[in-house]
PDB file of N, CA and C in Angstrom:
ATOM      1  N   MET A   1      -6.557   3.449  20.774  1.00  0.00           N
ATOM      2  CA  MET A   1      -7.949   3.578  21.197  1.00  0.00           C
ATOM      3  C   MET A   1      -8.030   4.602  22.323  1.00  0.00           C
ATOM      4  N   SER A   2      -8.908   5.575  22.197  1.00  0.00           N
ATOM      5  CA  SER A   2      -9.000   6.615  23.214  1.00  0.00           C
ATOM      6  C   SER A   2      -9.928   6.177  24.349  1.00  0.00           C
ATOM      7  N   GLU A   3      -9.701   6.783  25.496  1.00  0.00           N
ATOM      8  CA  GLU A   3     -10.513   6.484  26.671  1.00  0.00           C
ATOM      9  C   GLU A   3     -11.839   7.220  26.568  1.00  0.00           C
ATOM     10  N   PRO A   4     -12.887   6.729  27.242  1.00  0.00           N
ATOM     11  CA  PRO A   4     -14.180   7.424  27.199  1.00  0.00           C
ATOM     12  C   PRO A   4     -14.102   8.786  27.880  1.00  0.00           C
ATOM     13  N   LEU A   5     -14.993   9.678  27.468  1.00  0.00           N
ATOM     14  CA  LEU A   5     -15.061  11.026  28.031  1.00  0.00           C
ATOM     15  C   LEU A   5     -15.692  10.975  29.419  1.00  0.00           C
ATOM     16  N   SER A   6     -14.974  11.472  30.412  1.00  0.00           N
ATOM     17  CA  SER A   6     -15.518  11.547  31.763  1.00  0.00           C
ATOM     18  C   SER A   6     -15.997  12.981  32.011  1.00  0.00           C
ATOM     19  N   THR A   7     -16.569  13.222  33.186  1.00  0.00           N
ATOM     20  CA  THR A   7     -17.036  14.564  33.514  1.00  0.00           C
ATOM     21  C   THR A   7     -16.421  15.014  34.836  1.00  0.00           C
ATOM     22  N   LEU A   8     -16.325  16.323  34.999  1.00  0.00           N
ATOM     23  CA  LEU A   8     -15.848  16.923  36.239  1.00  0.00           C
ATOM     24  C   LEU A   8     -16.805  18.054  36.584  1.00  0.00           C
ATOM     25  N   LYS A   9     -17.423  17.972  37.749  1.00  0.00           N
ATOM     26  CA  LYS A   9     -18.353  19.011  38.191  1.00  0.00           C
ATOM     27  C   LYS A   9     -17.553  20.186  38.752  1.00  0.00           C
ATOM     28  N   ILE A  10     -17.770  21.371  38.173  1.00  0.00           N
ATOM     29  CA  ILE A  10     -17.028  22.550  38.633  1.00  0.00           C
ATOM     30  C   ILE A  10     -17.928  23.571  39.312  1.00  0.00           C
ATOM     31  N   GLY A  11     -19.224  23.440  39.218  1.00  0.00           N
ATOM     32  CA  GLY A  11     -20.121  24.389  39.868  1.00  0.00           C
ATOM     33  C   GLY A  11     -20.062  25.758  39.244  1.00  0.00           C
ATOM     34  N   ASP A  12     -20.384  26.769  40.035  1.00  0.00           N
ATOM     35  CA  ASP A  12     -20.455  28.142  39.535  1.00  0.00           C
ATOM     36  C   ASP A  12     -19.226  28.969  39.888  1.00  0.00           C
ATOM     37  N   GLU A  13     -18.316  28.422  40.669  1.00  0.00           N
ATOM     38  CA  GLU A  13     -17.118  29.157  41.079  1.00  0.00           C
ATOM     39  C   GLU A  13     -16.126  29.264  39.917  1.00  0.00           C
ATOM     40  N   PRO A  14     -15.422  30.395  39.795  1.00  0.00           N
ATOM     41  CA  PRO A  14     -14.378  30.497  38.783  1.00  0.00           C
ATOM     42  C   PRO A  14     -13.289  29.456  39.053  1.00  0.00           C
ATOM     43  N   ILE A  15     -12.761  28.870  37.995  1.00  0.00           N
ATOM     44  CA  ILE A  15     -11.710  27.860  38.137  1.00  0.00           C
ATOM     45  C   ILE A  15     -10.786  27.977  36.933  1.00  0.00           C
ATOM     46  N   ASN A  16      -9.481  27.824  37.175  1.00  0.00           N
ATOM     47  CA  ASN A  16      -8.543  27.914  36.065  1.00  0.00           C
ATOM     48  C   ASN A  16      -8.050  26.518  35.679  1.00  0.00           C
ATOM     49  N   LEU A  17      -7.325  26.438  34.591  1.00  0.00           N
ATOM     50  CA  LEU A  17      -6.912  25.154  34.036  1.00  0.00           C
ATOM     51  C   LEU A  17      -6.055  24.343  35.001  1.00  0.00           C
ATOM     52  N   THR A  18      -5.114  24.965  35.700  1.00  0.00           N
ATOM     53  CA  THR A  18      -4.279  24.194  36.630  1.00  0.00           C
ATOM     54  C   THR A  18      -5.131  23.586  37.740  1.00  0.00           C
ATOM     55  N   GLN A  19      -6.146  24.324  38.210  1.00  0.00           N
ATOM     56  CA  GLN A  19      -7.035  23.795  39.252  1.00  0.00           C
ATOM     57  C   GLN A  19      -7.864  22.631  38.719  1.00  0.00           C
ATOM     58  N   VAL A  20      -8.294  22.710  37.474  1.00  0.00           N
ATOM     59  CA  VAL A  20      -9.054  21.612  36.861  1.00  0.00           C
ATOM     60  C   VAL A  20      -8.206  20.348  36.821  1.00  0.00           C
ATOM     61  N   LEU A  21      -6.959  20.474  36.392  1.00  0.00           N
ATOM     62  CA  LEU A  21      -6.084  19.303  36.299  1.00  0.00           C
ATOM     63  C   LEU A  21      -5.854  18.673  37.667  1.00  0.00           C
ATOM     64  N   LYS A  22      -5.706  19.508  38.699  1.00  0.00           N
ATOM     65  CA  LYS A  22      -5.529  18.984  40.060  1.00  0.00           C
ATOM     66  C   LYS A  22      -6.809  18.342  40.565  1.00  0.00           C
ATOM     67  N   ARG A  23      -7.939  19.001  40.391  1.00  0.00           N
ATOM     68  CA  ARG A  23      -9.212  18.470  40.888  1.00  0.00           C
ATOM     69  C   ARG A  23      -9.565  17.146  40.204  1.00  0.00           C
ATOM     70  N   ALA A  24      -9.188  17.005  38.939  1.00  0.00           N
ATOM     71  CA  ALA A  24      -9.455  15.762  38.203  1.00  0.00           C
ATOM     72  C   ALA A  24      -8.549  14.624  38.676  1.00  0.00           C
ATOM     73  N   GLY A  25      -7.477  14.970  39.407  1.00  0.00           N
ATOM     74  CA  GLY A  25      -6.537  13.953  39.861  1.00  0.00           C
ATOM     75  C   GLY A  25      -5.518  13.557  38.806  1.00  0.00           C
ATOM     76  N   TRP A  26      -5.426  14.359  37.759  1.00  0.00           N
ATOM     77  CA  TRP A  26      -4.475  14.064  36.687  1.00  0.00           C
ATOM     78  C   TRP A  26      -3.063  14.471  37.060  1.00  0.00           C
ATOM     79  N   VAL A  27      -2.921  15.391  38.012  1.00  0.00           N
ATOM     80  CA  VAL A  27      -1.619  15.835  38.519  1.00  0.00           C
ATOM     81  C   VAL A  27      -1.705  15.935  40.033  1.00  0.00           C
ATOM     82  N   GLN A  28      -0.553  15.932  40.693  1.00  0.00           N
ATOM     83  CA  GLN A  28      -0.500  16.031  42.148  1.00  0.00           C
ATOM     84  C   GLN A  28      -0.320  17.460  42.635  1.00  0.00           C
ATOM     85  N   SER A  29       0.236  18.322  41.772  1.00  0.00           N
ATOM     86  CA  SER A  29       0.542  19.685  42.214  1.00  0.00           C
ATOM     87  C   SER A  29       0.336  20.686  41.081  1.00  0.00           C
ATOM     88  N   GLY A  30       0.289  21.952  41.475  1.00  0.00           N
ATOM     89  CA  GLY A  30       0.199  23.013  40.478  1.00  0.00           C
ATOM     90  C   GLY A  30       1.424  23.063  39.587  1.00  0.00           C
ATOM     91  N   GLY A  31       2.580  22.758  40.168  1.00  0.00           N
ATOM     92  CA  GLY A  31       3.818  22.743  39.388  1.00  0.00           C
ATOM     93  C   GLY A  31       3.792  21.683  38.300  1.00  0.00           C
ATOM     94  N   GLU A  32       3.250  20.522  38.642  1.00  0.00           N
ATOM     95  CA  GLU A  32       3.138  19.446  37.660  1.00  0.00           C
ATOM     96  C   GLU A  32       2.162  19.845  36.547  1.00  0.00           C
ATOM     97  N   ALA A  33       1.073  20.495  36.925  1.00  0.00           N
ATOM     98  CA  ALA A  33       0.096  20.970  35.938  1.00  0.00           C
ATOM     99  C   ALA A  33       0.742  21.988  35.003  1.00  0.00           C
ATOM    100  N   LYS A  34       1.483  22.932  35.567  1.00  0.00           N
ATOM    101  CA  LYS A  34       2.140  23.949  34.755  1.00  0.00           C
ATOM    102  C   LYS A  34       3.155  23.337  33.796  1.00  0.00           C
ATOM    103  N   SER A  35       3.850  22.287  34.229  1.00  0.00           N
ATOM    104  CA  SER A  35       4.806  21.604  33.351  1.00  0.00           C
ATOM    105  C   SER A  35       4.098  20.962  32.165  1.00  0.00           C
ATOM    106  N   LEU A  36       2.992  20.263  32.439  1.00  0.00           N
ATOM    107  CA  LEU A  36       2.234  19.638  31.348  1.00  0.00           C
ATOM    108  C   LEU A  36       1.756  20.677  30.345  1.00  0.00           C
ATOM    109  N   ILE A  37       1.249  21.788  30.858  1.00  0.00           N
ATOM    110  CA  ILE A  37       0.758  22.857  29.983  1.00  0.00           C
ATOM    111  C   ILE A  37       1.919  23.437  29.171  1.00  0.00           C
ATOM    112  N   GLY A  38       3.049  23.697  29.829  1.00  0.00           N
ATOM    113  CA  GLY A  38       4.218  24.251  29.151  1.00  0.00           C
ATOM    114  C   GLY A  38       4.794  23.323  28.094  1.00  0.00           C
ATOM    115  N   GLU A  39       4.614  22.023  28.278  1.00  0.00           N
ATOM    116  CA  GLU A  39       5.094  21.021  27.306  1.00  0.00           C
ATOM    117  C   GLU A  39       4.093  20.803  26.173  1.00  0.00           C
ATOM    118  N   GLN A  40       3.034  21.597  26.138  1.00  0.00           N
ATOM    119  CA  GLN A  40       1.996  21.544  25.108  1.00  0.00           C
ATOM    120  C   GLN A  40       1.316  20.177  25.062  1.00  0.00           C
ATOM    121  N   ARG A  41       1.055  19.598  26.230  1.00  0.00           N
ATOM    122  CA  ARG A  41       0.420  18.284  26.316  1.00  0.00           C
ATOM    123  C   ARG A  41      -1.024  18.358  26.783  1.00  0.00           C
ATOM    124  N   VAL A  42      -1.530  19.592  26.988  1.00  0.00           N
ATOM    125  CA  VAL A  42      -2.912  19.778  27.449  1.00  0.00           C
ATOM    126  C   VAL A  42      -3.703  20.490  26.349  1.00  0.00           C
ATOM    127  N   PHE A  43      -4.868  19.931  26.041  1.00  0.00           N
ATOM    128  CA  PHE A  43      -5.735  20.483  25.009  1.00  0.00           C
ATOM    129  C   PHE A  43      -7.053  20.903  25.640  1.00  0.00           C
ATOM    130  N   VAL A  44      -7.573  22.052  25.221  1.00  0.00           N
ATOM    131  CA  VAL A  44      -8.893  22.510  25.653  1.00  0.00           C
ATOM    132  C   VAL A  44      -9.716  22.733  24.393  1.00  0.00           C
ATOM    133  N   ASN A  45     -10.842  22.042  24.335  1.00  0.00           N
ATOM    134  CA  ASN A  45     -11.734  22.128  23.174  1.00  0.00           C
ATOM    135  C   ASN A  45     -10.996  21.843  21.869  1.00  0.00           C
ATOM    136  N   GLY A  46     -10.083  20.856  21.920  1.00  0.00           N
ATOM    137  CA  GLY A  46      -9.398  20.387  20.721  1.00  0.00           C
ATOM    138  C   GLY A  46      -8.149  21.149  20.324  1.00  0.00           C
ATOM    139  N   GLU A  47      -7.780  22.188  21.079  1.00  0.00           N
ATOM    140  CA  GLU A  47      -6.596  22.985  20.729  1.00  0.00           C
ATOM    141  C   GLU A  47      -5.607  23.002  21.882  1.00  0.00           C
ATOM    142  N   VAL A  48      -4.316  23.015  21.538  1.00  0.00           N
ATOM    143  CA  VAL A  48      -3.276  23.100  22.562  1.00  0.00           C
ATOM    144  C   VAL A  48      -3.501  24.364  23.376  1.00  0.00           C
ATOM    145  N   GLU A  49      -3.432  24.237  24.703  1.00  0.00           N
ATOM    146  CA  GLU A  49      -3.624  25.397  25.579  1.00  0.00           C
ATOM    147  C   GLU A  49      -2.329  25.694  26.315  1.00  0.00           C
ATOM    148  N   LEU A  50      -1.842  26.919  26.196  1.00  0.00           N
ATOM    149  CA  LEU A  50      -0.591  27.328  26.844  1.00  0.00           C
ATOM    150  C   LEU A  50      -0.813  28.249  28.036  1.00  0.00           C
ATOM    151  N   ARG A  51      -2.051  28.684  28.248  1.00  0.00           N
ATOM    152  CA  ARG A  51      -2.350  29.600  29.359  1.00  0.00           C
ATOM    153  C   ARG A  51      -2.651  28.789  30.618  1.00  0.00           C
ATOM    154  N   LYS A  52      -1.765  28.868  31.584  1.00  0.00           N
ATOM    155  CA  LYS A  52      -1.921  28.122  32.829  1.00  0.00           C
ATOM    156  C   LYS A  52      -3.133  28.597  33.626  1.00  0.00           C
ATOM    157  N   ARG A  53      -3.434  29.858  33.540  1.00  0.00           N
ATOM    158  CA  ARG A  53      -4.526  30.451  34.306  1.00  0.00           C
ATOM    159  C   ARG A  53      -5.791  30.636  33.467  1.00  0.00           C
ATOM    160  N   ARG A  54      -5.885  29.928  32.345  1.00  0.00           N
ATOM    161  CA  ARG A  54      -7.082  30.054  31.515  1.00  0.00           C
ATOM    162  C   ARG A  54      -8.319  29.788  32.365  1.00  0.00           C
ATOM    163  N   GLN A  55      -9.290  30.687  32.305  1.00  0.00           N
ATOM    164  CA  GLN A  55     -10.537  30.507  33.036  1.00  0.00           C
ATOM    165  C   GLN A  55     -11.412  29.501  32.285  1.00  0.00           C
ATOM    166  N   MET A  56     -11.798  28.469  32.990  1.00  0.00           N
ATOM    167  CA  MET A  56     -12.559  27.386  32.393  1.00  0.00           C
ATOM    168  C   MET A  56     -14.048  27.596  32.653  1.00  0.00           C
ATOM    169  N   LYS A  57     -14.879  26.990  31.809  1.00  0.00           N
ATOM    170  CA  LYS A  57     -16.332  27.125  31.963  1.00  0.00           C
ATOM    171  C   LYS A  57     -17.004  25.791  31.665  1.00  0.00           C
ATOM    172  N   VAL A  58     -18.234  25.682  32.115  1.00  0.00           N
ATOM    173  CA  VAL A  58     -19.036  24.489  31.855  1.00  0.00           C
ATOM    174  C   VAL A  58     -19.102  24.255  30.345  1.00  0.00           C
ATOM    175  N   GLY A  59     -18.903  23.014  29.939  1.00  0.00           N
ATOM    176  CA  GLY A  59     -18.931  22.657  28.523  1.00  0.00           C
ATOM    177  C   GLY A  59     -17.557  22.519  27.907  1.00  0.00           C
ATOM    178  N   ASP A  60     -16.524  23.093  28.539  1.00  0.00           N
ATOM    179  CA  ASP A  60     -15.167  22.932  28.026  1.00  0.00           C
ATOM    180  C   ASP A  60     -14.763  21.467  28.134  1.00  0.00           C
ATOM    181  N   VAL A  61     -14.004  20.988  27.140  1.00  0.00           N
ATOM    182  CA  VAL A  61     -13.482  19.628  27.152  1.00  0.00           C
ATOM    183  C   VAL A  61     -11.962  19.721  27.256  1.00  0.00           C
ATOM    184  N   VAL A  62     -11.414  19.042  28.267  1.00  0.00           N
ATOM    185  CA  VAL A  62      -9.970  19.037  28.513  1.00  0.00           C
ATOM    186  C   VAL A  62      -9.448  17.651  28.171  1.00  0.00           C
ATOM    187  N   HIS A  63      -8.312  17.607  27.484  1.00  0.00           N
ATOM    188  CA  HIS A  63      -7.720  16.344  27.053  1.00  0.00           C
ATOM    189  C   HIS A  63      -6.218  16.383  27.286  1.00  0.00           C
ATOM    190  N   LEU A  64      -5.669  15.292  27.806  1.00  0.00           N
ATOM    191  CA  LEU A  64      -4.218  15.153  27.928  1.00  0.00           C
ATOM    192  C   LEU A  64      -3.706  14.373  26.736  1.00  0.00           C
ATOM    193  N   GLU A  65      -2.589  14.809  26.186  1.00  0.00           N
ATOM    194  CA  GLU A  65      -1.976  14.097  25.072  1.00  0.00           C
ATOM    195  C   GLU A  65      -1.769  12.635  25.465  1.00  0.00           C
ATOM    196  N   ASP A  66      -2.242  11.730  24.630  1.00  0.00           N
ATOM    197  CA  ASP A  66      -2.136  10.286  24.889  1.00  0.00           C
ATOM    198  C   ASP A  66      -2.738   9.887  26.229  1.00  0.00           C
ATOM    199  N   GLY A  67      -3.778  10.609  26.657  1.00  0.00           N
ATOM    200  CA  GLY A  67      -4.387  10.322  27.955  1.00  0.00           C
ATOM    201  C   GLY A  67      -5.876  10.550  27.955  1.00  0.00           C
ATOM    202  N   PRO A  68      -6.428  10.753  29.158  1.00  0.00           N
ATOM    203  CA  PRO A  68      -7.877  10.879  29.304  1.00  0.00           C
ATOM    204  C   PRO A  68      -8.412  12.230  28.836  1.00  0.00           C
ATOM    205  N   SER A  69      -9.744  12.261  28.683  1.00  0.00           N
ATOM    206  CA  SER A  69     -10.479  13.470  28.338  1.00  0.00           C
ATOM    207  C   SER A  69     -11.628  13.629  29.321  1.00  0.00           C
ATOM    208  N   MET A  70     -12.024  14.885  29.547  1.00  0.00           N
ATOM    209  CA  MET A  70     -13.194  15.123  30.401  1.00  0.00           C
ATOM    210  C   MET A  70     -13.886  16.396  29.978  1.00  0.00           C
ATOM    211  N   GLU A  71     -15.191  16.423  30.274  1.00  0.00           N
ATOM    212  CA  GLU A  71     -16.003  17.606  30.014  1.00  0.00           C
ATOM    213  C   GLU A  71     -16.377  18.215  31.353  1.00  0.00           C
ATOM    214  N   LEU A  72     -16.301  19.531  31.442  1.00  0.00           N
ATOM    215  CA  LEU A  72     -16.667  20.237  32.664  1.00  0.00           C
ATOM    216  C   LEU A  72     -18.180  20.432  32.703  1.00  0.00           C
ATOM    217  N   THR A  73     -18.783  20.112  33.850  1.00  0.00           N
ATOM    218  CA  THR A  73     -20.229  20.201  34.012  1.00  0.00           C
ATOM    219  C   THR A  73     -20.576  21.037  35.237  1.00  0.00           C
ATOM    220  N   THR A  74     -21.858  21.358  35.385  1.00  0.00           N
ATOM    221  CA  THR A  74     -22.308  22.108  36.555  1.00  0.00           C
ATOM    222  C   THR A  74     -22.302  21.214  37.779  1.00  0.00           C
ATOM    223  N   GLY A  75     -22.411  21.815  38.915  1.00  0.00           N
ATOM    224  CA  GLY A  75     -22.392  21.081  40.176  1.00  0.00           C
ATOM    225  C   GLY A  75     -23.738  20.523  40.583  1.00  0.00           C
ATOM    226  N   ASP A  76     -24.748  20.653  39.713  1.00  0.00           N
ATOM    227  CA  ASP A  76     -26.104  20.181  40.040  1.00  0.00           C
ATOM    228  C   ASP A  76     -26.138  18.675  40.175  1.00  0.00           C
TER     229      ASP A  76
END
């Protein structure tokens, strides 16, 4: 059974995937985020994402393999 979709407010500032994972509290450090991405355990919009510095935008959905999912929203 999957967990419900949560949201993360990112506002208008540019943000990359490693920063999203840290801000969501899913990892403690950038190194941990990079490891998860390198192990192909992070999905963006339903596809495995290997780019650590992928620029994220409002509406993107991030999912951890066998873990939580979240949608990026505006800071309003």
